[in-house]
Amino acid sequence: MRRVILRSLAAFTFGIATCLSISTTAYAQGAKGASGLPLPRFVSLKSRKVNIRIGPSTDYAVSWMYMKSGTPMEVIQEYENWRRVRDAEGTEGWVNQALLSGERTAVAAPWMRGKGKDIFVNMRRDPQASAGIVAKLEPGVVLSIDECNGDWCRAEAGGTEGWVAQGEIWGAYPGEAFK
């Protein structure tokens, strides 16, 4: 009996290790979902009210409702016309793909919310640390992103345009570049 359990445990461990190896390799090679789009990827909510469900169908219960269009989400899985998403705080659930937009948005330093009154993300005139500051963004502010060069993202918040350091936002991967 003990040998059977040990063999089963060894097979299970091998299976998990193989799955992890495959997922790491797929991620490194630019894994794609059923839609043909990369996984993971950032999107935003298209509608003002969006239900997040515990499974990929309207038969599943609603676990959360988002009340703001433009909220950034990370698509981490696909199933038919459903997308498993994660928000900046780590909440996950399923949403119909029709409620998502390819428009890129980001959240300014969500990990710094509640850490103090004098904590800001600087929006600069140009994509360099020495450029003049055009705005000071509180952690949690949602930005529209036009492009990222791998280090800086050109963004807009509250009618002000400028550049924010890519490492100070949630909504673009480190080193990711796009226009």
N, C-alpha and C. Protein backbone atom coordinates (compact mmCIF):
# COMPACT_ATOMS: atom_id res chain seq x y z
N MET A 1 0.83 -1.19 0.00
CA MET A 1 0.00 0.00 0.00
C MET A 1 0.88 1.26 0.00
N ARG A 2 1.92 1.22 0.84
CA ARG A 2 2.80 2.37 0.94
C ARG A 2 3.50 2.64 -0.40
N ARG A 3 3.92 1.57 -1.11
CA ARG A 3 4.57 1.74 -2.41
C ARG A 3 3.62 2.35 -3.43
N VAL A 4 2.37 1.93 -3.41
CA VAL A 4 1.38 2.47 -4.34
C VAL A 4 1.20 3.97 -4.09
N ILE A 5 1.12 4.35 -2.84
CA ILE A 5 0.97 5.77 -2.51
C ILE A 5 2.20 6.54 -2.95
N LEU A 6 3.39 5.99 -2.69
CA LEU A 6 4.63 6.66 -3.09
C LEU A 6 4.73 6.79 -4.60
N ARG A 7 4.36 5.73 -5.34
CA ARG A 7 4.38 5.79 -6.80
C ARG A 7 3.38 6.83 -7.30
N SER A 8 2.20 6.83 -6.71
CA SER A 8 1.18 7.81 -7.10
C SER A 8 1.66 9.23 -6.84
N LEU A 9 2.28 9.42 -5.68
CA LEU A 9 2.80 10.73 -5.33
C LEU A 9 3.92 11.14 -6.30
N ALA A 10 4.78 10.21 -6.64
CA ALA A 10 5.86 10.49 -7.59
C ALA A 10 5.29 10.84 -8.96
N ALA A 11 4.30 10.11 -9.42
CA ALA A 11 3.67 10.39 -10.72
C ALA A 11 2.99 11.75 -10.70
N PHE A 12 2.31 12.05 -9.59
CA PHE A 12 1.63 13.34 -9.45
C PHE A 12 2.65 14.47 -9.49
N THR A 13 3.74 14.33 -8.74
CA THR A 13 4.79 15.34 -8.70
C THR A 13 5.40 15.55 -10.08
N PHE A 14 5.65 14.45 -10.81
CA PHE A 14 6.19 14.53 -12.16
C PHE A 14 5.21 15.27 -13.08
N GLY A 15 3.93 14.94 -12.94
CA GLY A 15 2.90 15.59 -13.76
C GLY A 15 2.85 17.09 -13.50
N ILE A 16 2.89 17.49 -12.24
CA ILE A 16 2.88 18.91 -11.90
C ILE A 16 4.12 19.59 -12.46
N ALA A 17 5.29 18.97 -12.28
CA ALA A 17 6.54 19.55 -12.78
C ALA A 17 6.48 19.71 -14.30
N THR A 18 5.94 18.71 -14.99
CA THR A 18 5.82 18.77 -16.44
C THR A 18 4.90 19.92 -16.85
N CYS A 19 3.76 20.05 -16.17
CA CYS A 19 2.82 21.13 -16.48
C CYS A 19 3.47 22.49 -16.26
N LEU A 20 4.18 22.64 -15.16
CA LEU A 20 4.85 23.90 -14.88
C LEU A 20 5.90 24.20 -15.93
N SER A 21 6.62 23.19 -16.34
CA SER A 21 7.63 23.35 -17.37
C SER A 21 7.00 23.79 -18.68
N ILE A 22 5.89 23.16 -19.05
CA ILE A 22 5.20 23.51 -20.29
C ILE A 22 4.68 24.93 -20.21
N SER A 23 4.05 25.31 -19.07
CA SER A 23 3.52 26.66 -18.99
C SER A 23 4.60 27.71 -19.01
N THR A 24 5.72 27.44 -18.35
CA THR A 24 6.82 28.40 -18.36
C THR A 24 7.36 28.55 -19.78
N THR A 25 7.52 27.43 -20.48
CA THR A 25 8.01 27.47 -21.85
C THR A 25 7.02 28.21 -22.74
N ALA A 26 5.73 27.92 -22.60
CA ALA A 26 4.71 28.58 -23.42
C ALA A 26 4.72 30.08 -23.18
N TYR A 27 4.84 30.49 -21.91
CA TYR A 27 4.86 31.91 -21.59
C TYR A 27 6.08 32.57 -22.22
N ALA A 28 7.24 31.92 -22.08
CA ALA A 28 8.48 32.47 -22.62
C ALA A 28 8.42 32.59 -24.14
N GLN A 29 7.69 31.67 -24.80
CA GLN A 29 7.60 31.69 -26.25
C GLN A 29 6.43 32.52 -26.73
N GLY A 30 5.68 33.15 -25.84
CA GLY A 30 4.54 33.95 -26.25
C GLY A 30 3.32 33.07 -26.47
N ALA A 31 2.83 32.45 -25.43
CA ALA A 31 1.65 31.58 -25.53
C ALA A 31 0.47 32.34 -26.10
N LYS A 32 -0.37 31.63 -26.83
CA LYS A 32 -1.56 32.23 -27.41
C LYS A 32 -2.78 31.46 -26.94
N GLY A 33 -3.87 32.21 -26.76
CA GLY A 33 -5.13 31.60 -26.37
C GLY A 33 -5.89 31.12 -27.60
N ALA A 34 -7.09 30.61 -27.38
CA ALA A 34 -7.93 30.11 -28.47
C ALA A 34 -8.25 31.21 -29.48
N SER A 35 -8.25 32.47 -29.03
CA SER A 35 -8.54 33.61 -29.91
C SER A 35 -7.38 33.91 -30.85
N GLY A 36 -6.21 33.33 -30.58
CA GLY A 36 -5.01 33.64 -31.35
C GLY A 36 -4.24 34.82 -30.77
N LEU A 37 -4.78 35.43 -29.72
CA LEU A 37 -4.12 36.56 -29.07
C LEU A 37 -3.22 36.05 -27.95
N PRO A 38 -2.20 36.81 -27.58
CA PRO A 38 -1.26 36.36 -26.55
C PRO A 38 -1.91 36.21 -25.17
N LEU A 39 -1.39 35.27 -24.41
CA LEU A 39 -1.77 35.08 -23.01
C LEU A 39 -0.49 35.09 -22.20
N PRO A 40 -0.44 35.81 -21.12
CA PRO A 40 -1.42 36.79 -20.67
C PRO A 40 -1.31 38.06 -21.50
N ARG A 41 -2.32 38.95 -21.36
CA ARG A 41 -2.31 40.25 -22.04
C ARG A 41 -3.19 41.21 -21.25
N PHE A 42 -2.97 42.49 -21.44
CA PHE A 42 -3.79 43.50 -20.78
C PHE A 42 -4.87 44.01 -21.70
N VAL A 43 -6.04 44.24 -21.15
CA VAL A 43 -7.20 44.82 -21.83
C VAL A 43 -7.85 45.79 -20.83
N SER A 44 -9.01 46.31 -21.20
CA SER A 44 -9.76 47.15 -20.27
C SER A 44 -11.25 46.82 -20.38
N LEU A 45 -11.99 47.22 -19.38
CA LEU A 45 -13.44 46.99 -19.40
C LEU A 45 -14.10 47.99 -20.33
N LYS A 46 -14.97 47.47 -21.20
CA LYS A 46 -15.65 48.31 -22.18
C LYS A 46 -16.89 48.98 -21.59
N SER A 47 -17.59 48.29 -20.74
CA SER A 47 -18.85 48.78 -20.20
C SER A 47 -18.68 49.37 -18.80
N ARG A 48 -19.66 50.17 -18.41
CA ARG A 48 -19.64 50.79 -17.09
C ARG A 48 -19.93 49.78 -15.99
N LYS A 49 -20.81 48.80 -16.27
CA LYS A 49 -21.11 47.75 -15.30
C LYS A 49 -20.73 46.41 -15.93
N VAL A 50 -19.84 45.69 -15.26
CA VAL A 50 -19.38 44.40 -15.76
C VAL A 50 -19.41 43.39 -14.63
N ASN A 51 -20.12 42.29 -14.85
CA ASN A 51 -20.16 41.19 -13.88
C ASN A 51 -18.96 40.28 -14.09
N ILE A 52 -18.32 39.92 -13.01
CA ILE A 52 -17.26 38.93 -13.04
C ILE A 52 -17.86 37.67 -12.41
N ARG A 53 -17.74 36.55 -13.10
CA ARG A 53 -18.37 35.31 -12.66
C ARG A 53 -17.34 34.30 -12.19
N ILE A 54 -17.81 33.30 -11.43
CA ILE A 54 -16.89 32.29 -10.92
C ILE A 54 -16.56 31.22 -11.96
N GLY A 55 -17.25 31.23 -13.08
CA GLY A 55 -16.99 30.28 -14.16
C GLY A 55 -17.35 30.90 -15.50
N PRO A 56 -16.97 30.23 -16.61
CA PRO A 56 -17.13 30.79 -17.95
C PRO A 56 -18.52 30.56 -18.57
N SER A 57 -19.56 31.12 -17.95
CA SER A 57 -20.92 31.01 -18.48
C SER A 57 -21.84 31.86 -17.61
N THR A 58 -22.95 32.26 -18.16
CA THR A 58 -23.93 33.00 -17.36
C THR A 58 -24.60 32.08 -16.35
N ASP A 59 -24.38 30.77 -16.46
CA ASP A 59 -24.90 29.82 -15.47
C ASP A 59 -24.15 29.93 -14.13
N TYR A 60 -22.97 30.52 -14.15
CA TYR A 60 -22.17 30.65 -12.93
C TYR A 60 -22.55 31.94 -12.19
N ALA A 61 -22.39 31.90 -10.90
CA ALA A 61 -22.72 33.04 -10.04
C ALA A 61 -21.79 34.23 -10.30
N VAL A 62 -22.32 35.41 -10.08
CA VAL A 62 -21.54 36.64 -10.15
C VAL A 62 -20.78 36.77 -8.84
N SER A 63 -19.46 36.94 -8.94
CA SER A 63 -18.66 37.09 -7.73
C SER A 63 -18.31 38.55 -7.45
N TRP A 64 -18.37 39.39 -8.49
CA TRP A 64 -17.97 40.77 -8.33
C TRP A 64 -18.58 41.59 -9.46
N MET A 65 -18.86 42.87 -9.21
CA MET A 65 -19.32 43.75 -10.28
C MET A 65 -18.43 44.98 -10.31
N TYR A 66 -17.88 45.26 -11.48
CA TYR A 66 -17.07 46.46 -11.68
C TYR A 66 -17.98 47.56 -12.19
N MET A 67 -17.75 48.77 -11.71
CA MET A 67 -18.65 49.88 -11.99
C MET A 67 -17.99 51.02 -12.78
N LYS A 68 -16.87 50.74 -13.44
CA LYS A 68 -16.18 51.80 -14.17
C LYS A 68 -15.58 51.25 -15.46
N SER A 69 -16.00 51.82 -16.58
CA SER A 69 -15.38 51.43 -17.84
C SER A 69 -13.94 51.93 -17.85
N GLY A 70 -13.10 51.25 -18.60
CA GLY A 70 -11.70 51.62 -18.68
C GLY A 70 -10.82 50.98 -17.62
N THR A 71 -11.41 50.23 -16.69
CA THR A 71 -10.61 49.56 -15.67
C THR A 71 -9.70 48.53 -16.34
N PRO A 72 -8.38 48.58 -16.08
CA PRO A 72 -7.49 47.60 -16.71
C PRO A 72 -7.68 46.20 -16.12
N MET A 73 -7.56 45.21 -16.97
CA MET A 73 -7.66 43.80 -16.60
C MET A 73 -6.57 43.04 -17.34
N GLU A 74 -6.13 41.96 -16.73
CA GLU A 74 -5.17 41.07 -17.37
C GLU A 74 -5.90 39.79 -17.74
N VAL A 75 -5.91 39.46 -19.04
CA VAL A 75 -6.52 38.20 -19.49
C VAL A 75 -5.49 37.10 -19.26
N ILE A 76 -5.90 36.08 -18.48
CA ILE A 76 -4.96 35.01 -18.14
C ILE A 76 -5.39 33.65 -18.69
N GLN A 77 -6.62 33.56 -19.20
CA GLN A 77 -7.12 32.29 -19.74
C GLN A 77 -8.30 32.59 -20.66
N GLU A 78 -8.53 31.71 -21.63
CA GLU A 78 -9.66 31.85 -22.54
C GLU A 78 -10.43 30.55 -22.60
N TYR A 79 -11.75 30.66 -22.73
CA TYR A 79 -12.61 29.50 -22.96
C TYR A 79 -13.78 29.98 -23.80
N GLU A 80 -13.82 29.55 -25.05
CA GLU A 80 -14.83 29.99 -26.00
C GLU A 80 -14.88 31.53 -26.00
N ASN A 81 -16.04 32.14 -25.72
CA ASN A 81 -16.10 33.61 -25.74
C ASN A 81 -15.96 34.21 -24.34
N TRP A 82 -15.40 33.45 -23.42
CA TRP A 82 -15.19 33.91 -22.05
C TRP A 82 -13.70 34.09 -21.79
N ARG A 83 -13.38 35.10 -20.98
CA ARG A 83 -11.99 35.38 -20.63
C ARG A 83 -11.85 35.41 -19.11
N ARG A 84 -10.87 34.68 -18.63
CA ARG A 84 -10.55 34.74 -17.20
C ARG A 84 -9.63 35.93 -17.02
N VAL A 85 -10.02 36.84 -16.16
CA VAL A 85 -9.28 38.09 -15.97
C VAL A 85 -8.84 38.24 -14.53
N ARG A 86 -7.83 39.11 -14.36
CA ARG A 86 -7.32 39.45 -13.03
C ARG A 86 -7.19 40.97 -12.98
N ASP A 87 -7.60 41.56 -11.86
CA ASP A 87 -7.46 43.02 -11.72
C ASP A 87 -6.17 43.36 -10.98
N ALA A 88 -5.93 44.64 -10.77
CA ALA A 88 -4.69 45.11 -10.16
C ALA A 88 -4.52 44.65 -8.73
N GLU A 89 -5.61 44.26 -8.08
CA GLU A 89 -5.53 43.78 -6.69
C GLU A 89 -5.45 42.26 -6.61
N GLY A 90 -5.49 41.59 -7.76
CA GLY A 90 -5.37 40.14 -7.79
C GLY A 90 -6.69 39.39 -7.84
N THR A 91 -7.82 40.09 -7.85
CA THR A 91 -9.12 39.43 -7.95
C THR A 91 -9.27 38.82 -9.34
N GLU A 92 -9.70 37.57 -9.39
CA GLU A 92 -9.86 36.86 -10.66
C GLU A 92 -11.30 36.42 -10.85
N GLY A 93 -11.69 36.29 -12.11
CA GLY A 93 -13.00 35.77 -12.46
C GLY A 93 -13.17 35.76 -13.96
N TRP A 94 -14.35 35.37 -14.40
CA TRP A 94 -14.64 35.20 -15.83
C TRP A 94 -15.57 36.30 -16.32
N VAL A 95 -15.29 36.81 -17.51
CA VAL A 95 -16.11 37.86 -18.12
C VAL A 95 -16.28 37.54 -19.61
N ASN A 96 -17.46 37.87 -20.13
CA ASN A 96 -17.69 37.67 -21.56
C ASN A 96 -16.79 38.62 -22.34
N GLN A 97 -16.17 38.12 -23.39
CA GLN A 97 -15.21 38.91 -24.15
C GLN A 97 -15.83 40.15 -24.79
N ALA A 98 -17.14 40.16 -25.01
CA ALA A 98 -17.81 41.32 -25.59
C ALA A 98 -17.74 42.53 -24.66
N LEU A 99 -17.46 42.31 -23.38
CA LEU A 99 -17.40 43.40 -22.40
C LEU A 99 -15.98 43.93 -22.21
N LEU A 100 -15.03 43.42 -23.02
CA LEU A 100 -13.64 43.83 -22.92
C LEU A 100 -13.22 44.62 -24.15
N SER A 101 -12.29 45.52 -23.96
CA SER A 101 -11.78 46.35 -25.04
C SER A 101 -10.27 46.17 -25.14
N GLY A 102 -9.75 46.30 -26.32
CA GLY A 102 -8.30 46.26 -26.53
C GLY A 102 -7.61 47.56 -26.14
N GLU A 103 -8.39 48.58 -25.79
CA GLU A 103 -7.80 49.85 -25.35
C GLU A 103 -6.97 49.62 -24.10
N ARG A 104 -5.76 50.15 -24.10
CA ARG A 104 -4.86 49.94 -22.97
C ARG A 104 -5.04 51.03 -21.92
N THR A 105 -5.20 50.58 -20.70
CA THR A 105 -5.25 51.48 -19.55
C THR A 105 -4.33 50.89 -18.49
N ALA A 106 -4.08 51.65 -17.46
CA ALA A 106 -3.22 51.18 -16.37
C ALA A 106 -3.64 51.86 -15.08
N VAL A 107 -3.17 51.31 -13.97
CA VAL A 107 -3.40 51.90 -12.66
C VAL A 107 -2.04 52.35 -12.13
N ALA A 108 -2.00 53.58 -11.64
CA ALA A 108 -0.77 54.11 -11.06
C ALA A 108 -0.51 53.43 -9.72
N ALA A 109 0.60 52.76 -9.60
CA ALA A 109 1.12 52.14 -8.37
C ALA A 109 0.04 51.64 -7.40
N PRO A 110 -0.80 50.68 -7.81
CA PRO A 110 -1.85 50.21 -6.91
C PRO A 110 -1.29 49.61 -5.62
N TRP A 111 -0.09 49.09 -5.66
CA TRP A 111 0.55 48.49 -4.48
C TRP A 111 0.93 49.55 -3.43
N MET A 112 0.84 50.83 -3.77
CA MET A 112 1.19 51.90 -2.84
C MET A 112 -0.03 52.56 -2.19
N ARG A 113 -1.24 52.11 -2.57
CA ARG A 113 -2.45 52.69 -1.97
C ARG A 113 -2.42 52.53 -0.46
N GLY A 114 -2.75 53.60 0.23
CA GLY A 114 -2.82 53.56 1.68
C GLY A 114 -1.47 53.55 2.38
N LYS A 115 -0.38 53.75 1.67
CA LYS A 115 0.96 53.71 2.28
C LYS A 115 1.40 55.07 2.83
N GLY A 116 0.67 56.12 2.50
CA GLY A 116 1.05 57.44 2.99
C GLY A 116 0.43 58.54 2.15
N LYS A 117 0.46 59.75 2.67
CA LYS A 117 -0.18 60.87 1.98
C LYS A 117 0.70 61.51 0.92
N ASP A 118 2.00 61.36 1.04
CA ASP A 118 2.91 62.04 0.13
C ASP A 118 3.54 61.10 -0.90
N ILE A 119 2.80 60.06 -1.27
CA ILE A 119 3.31 59.11 -2.27
C ILE A 119 2.60 59.37 -3.59
N PHE A 120 3.40 59.63 -4.63
CA PHE A 120 2.85 59.94 -5.94
C PHE A 120 3.65 59.22 -7.03
N VAL A 121 3.01 59.08 -8.19
CA VAL A 121 3.70 58.64 -9.40
C VAL A 121 3.83 59.90 -10.25
N ASN A 122 5.06 60.22 -10.62
CA ASN A 122 5.30 61.43 -11.42
C ASN A 122 5.01 61.17 -12.88
N MET A 123 4.20 62.05 -13.49
CA MET A 123 4.00 62.05 -14.94
C MET A 123 4.92 63.14 -15.47
N ARG A 124 5.76 62.77 -16.42
CA ARG A 124 6.80 63.68 -16.90
C ARG A 124 6.54 64.13 -18.34
N ARG A 125 7.15 65.25 -18.69
CA ARG A 125 6.99 65.83 -20.03
C ARG A 125 7.58 64.93 -21.11
N ASP A 126 8.70 64.29 -20.80
CA ASP A 126 9.40 63.41 -21.74
C ASP A 126 9.72 62.09 -21.05
N PRO A 127 10.04 61.05 -21.83
CA PRO A 127 10.31 59.73 -21.24
C PRO A 127 11.71 59.59 -20.65
N GLN A 128 11.98 60.39 -19.63
CA GLN A 128 13.25 60.29 -18.92
C GLN A 128 13.08 60.86 -17.52
N ALA A 129 13.83 60.32 -16.58
CA ALA A 129 13.70 60.68 -15.17
C ALA A 129 14.04 62.14 -14.89
N SER A 130 14.81 62.77 -15.75
CA SER A 130 15.20 64.16 -15.54
C SER A 130 14.21 65.15 -16.15
N ALA A 131 13.21 64.67 -16.88
CA ALA A 131 12.23 65.55 -17.54
C ALA A 131 11.34 66.21 -16.49
N GLY A 132 10.80 67.36 -16.85
CA GLY A 132 9.92 68.09 -15.95
C GLY A 132 8.65 67.31 -15.61
N ILE A 133 8.15 67.51 -14.41
CA ILE A 133 6.94 66.83 -13.95
C ILE A 133 5.72 67.64 -14.39
N VAL A 134 4.78 66.98 -15.08
CA VAL A 134 3.55 67.67 -15.52
C VAL A 134 2.37 67.34 -14.61
N ALA A 135 2.48 66.24 -13.84
CA ALA A 135 1.41 65.87 -12.89
C ALA A 135 1.96 64.90 -11.87
N LYS A 136 1.36 64.94 -10.69
CA LYS A 136 1.66 63.96 -9.64
C LYS A 136 0.39 63.14 -9.45
N LEU A 137 0.50 61.84 -9.72
CA LEU A 137 -0.66 60.95 -9.69
C LEU A 137 -0.71 60.17 -8.38
N GLU A 138 -1.86 60.15 -7.76
CA GLU A 138 -2.04 59.35 -6.56
C GLU A 138 -2.11 57.88 -6.94
N PRO A 139 -1.62 56.99 -6.08
CA PRO A 139 -1.75 55.55 -6.34
C PRO A 139 -3.23 55.19 -6.53
N GLY A 140 -3.50 54.41 -7.58
CA GLY A 140 -4.87 53.99 -7.87
C GLY A 140 -5.52 54.76 -9.01
N VAL A 141 -4.90 55.86 -9.46
CA VAL A 141 -5.45 56.62 -10.58
C VAL A 141 -5.38 55.76 -11.84
N VAL A 142 -6.46 55.76 -12.63
CA VAL A 142 -6.50 55.01 -13.89
C VAL A 142 -6.04 55.93 -15.02
N LEU A 143 -5.12 55.42 -15.83
CA LEU A 143 -4.54 56.15 -16.95
C LEU A 143 -4.91 55.49 -18.26
N SER A 144 -5.04 56.26 -19.31
CA SER A 144 -5.13 55.71 -20.67
C SER A 144 -3.70 55.68 -21.19
N ILE A 145 -3.33 54.57 -21.82
CA ILE A 145 -1.96 54.43 -22.33
C ILE A 145 -1.98 54.41 -23.86
N ASP A 146 -1.15 55.25 -24.48
CA ASP A 146 -1.04 55.28 -25.94
C ASP A 146 0.07 54.36 -26.44
N GLU A 147 1.19 54.37 -25.72
CA GLU A 147 2.33 53.55 -26.14
C GLU A 147 3.27 53.35 -24.96
N CYS A 148 4.06 52.30 -25.06
CA CYS A 148 5.13 52.04 -24.09
C CYS A 148 6.38 51.67 -24.88
N ASN A 149 7.54 52.09 -24.38
CA ASN A 149 8.79 51.78 -25.07
C ASN A 149 9.64 50.74 -24.34
N GLY A 150 9.08 50.15 -23.28
CA GLY A 150 9.83 49.18 -22.49
C GLY A 150 10.27 49.72 -21.16
N ASP A 151 10.40 51.06 -21.07
CA ASP A 151 10.78 51.73 -19.83
C ASP A 151 9.76 52.78 -19.40
N TRP A 152 9.14 53.43 -20.38
CA TRP A 152 8.20 54.52 -20.14
C TRP A 152 6.94 54.30 -20.97
N CYS A 153 5.82 54.80 -20.45
CA CYS A 153 4.56 54.74 -21.18
C CYS A 153 4.00 56.15 -21.34
N ARG A 154 3.57 56.46 -22.55
CA ARG A 154 2.90 57.74 -22.80
C ARG A 154 1.45 57.57 -22.40
N ALA A 155 1.00 58.43 -21.51
CA ALA A 155 -0.32 58.23 -20.91
C ALA A 155 -1.07 59.55 -20.77
N GLU A 156 -2.37 59.40 -20.44
CA GLU A 156 -3.24 60.55 -20.19
C GLU A 156 -4.08 60.24 -18.97
N ALA A 157 -4.21 61.24 -18.11
CA ALA A 157 -5.06 61.12 -16.92
C ALA A 157 -5.66 62.48 -16.63
N GLY A 158 -6.97 62.54 -16.56
CA GLY A 158 -7.64 63.78 -16.22
C GLY A 158 -7.33 64.93 -17.16
N GLY A 159 -7.11 64.64 -18.44
CA GLY A 159 -6.83 65.68 -19.41
C GLY A 159 -5.36 66.07 -19.51
N THR A 160 -4.51 65.49 -18.67
CA THR A 160 -3.08 65.78 -18.70
C THR A 160 -2.36 64.62 -19.37
N GLU A 161 -1.47 64.97 -20.31
CA GLU A 161 -0.70 63.96 -21.02
C GLU A 161 0.76 64.04 -20.62
N GLY A 162 1.41 62.87 -20.62
CA GLY A 162 2.83 62.83 -20.30
C GLY A 162 3.32 61.40 -20.28
N TRP A 163 4.47 61.19 -19.66
CA TRP A 163 5.12 59.89 -19.61
C TRP A 163 5.25 59.43 -18.16
N VAL A 164 4.95 58.16 -17.92
CA VAL A 164 5.13 57.57 -16.59
C VAL A 164 6.08 56.38 -16.71
N ALA A 165 6.87 56.17 -15.67
CA ALA A 165 7.79 55.03 -15.67
C ALA A 165 6.97 53.74 -15.69
N GLN A 166 7.34 52.84 -16.55
CA GLN A 166 6.59 51.60 -16.73
C GLN A 166 6.54 50.76 -15.46
N GLY A 167 7.56 50.85 -14.64
CA GLY A 167 7.61 50.10 -13.40
C GLY A 167 6.72 50.67 -12.30
N GLU A 168 6.10 51.82 -12.55
CA GLU A 168 5.24 52.46 -11.55
C GLU A 168 3.76 52.33 -11.88
N ILE A 169 3.44 51.48 -12.86
CA ILE A 169 2.04 51.27 -13.22
C ILE A 169 1.74 49.78 -13.31
N TRP A 170 0.44 49.45 -13.20
CA TRP A 170 -0.04 48.09 -13.45
C TRP A 170 -0.92 48.19 -14.67
N GLY A 171 -0.48 47.56 -15.76
CA GLY A 171 -1.21 47.60 -17.02
C GLY A 171 -0.29 47.44 -18.22
N ALA A 172 0.99 47.32 -17.97
CA ALA A 172 2.00 47.05 -19.00
C ALA A 172 3.08 46.18 -18.35
N TYR A 173 3.50 45.16 -19.08
CA TYR A 173 4.51 44.25 -18.54
C TYR A 173 5.89 44.91 -18.57
N PRO A 174 6.77 44.51 -17.64
CA PRO A 174 8.14 45.05 -17.66
C PRO A 174 8.80 44.76 -19.02
N GLY A 175 9.34 45.77 -19.61
CA GLY A 175 10.02 45.62 -20.90
C GLY A 175 9.09 45.58 -22.09
N GLU A 176 7.78 45.57 -21.90
CA GLU A 176 6.82 45.51 -23.02
C GLU A 176 6.85 46.82 -23.80
N ALA A 177 6.90 46.72 -25.12
CA ALA A 177 6.86 47.89 -25.98
C ALA A 177 5.73 47.73 -26.98
N PHE A 178 4.96 48.79 -27.17
CA PHE A 178 3.86 48.78 -28.16
C PHE A 178 3.49 50.21 -28.51
N LYS A 179 2.83 50.37 -29.66
CA LYS A 179 2.30 51.67 -30.09
C LYS A 179 0.85 51.49 -30.44
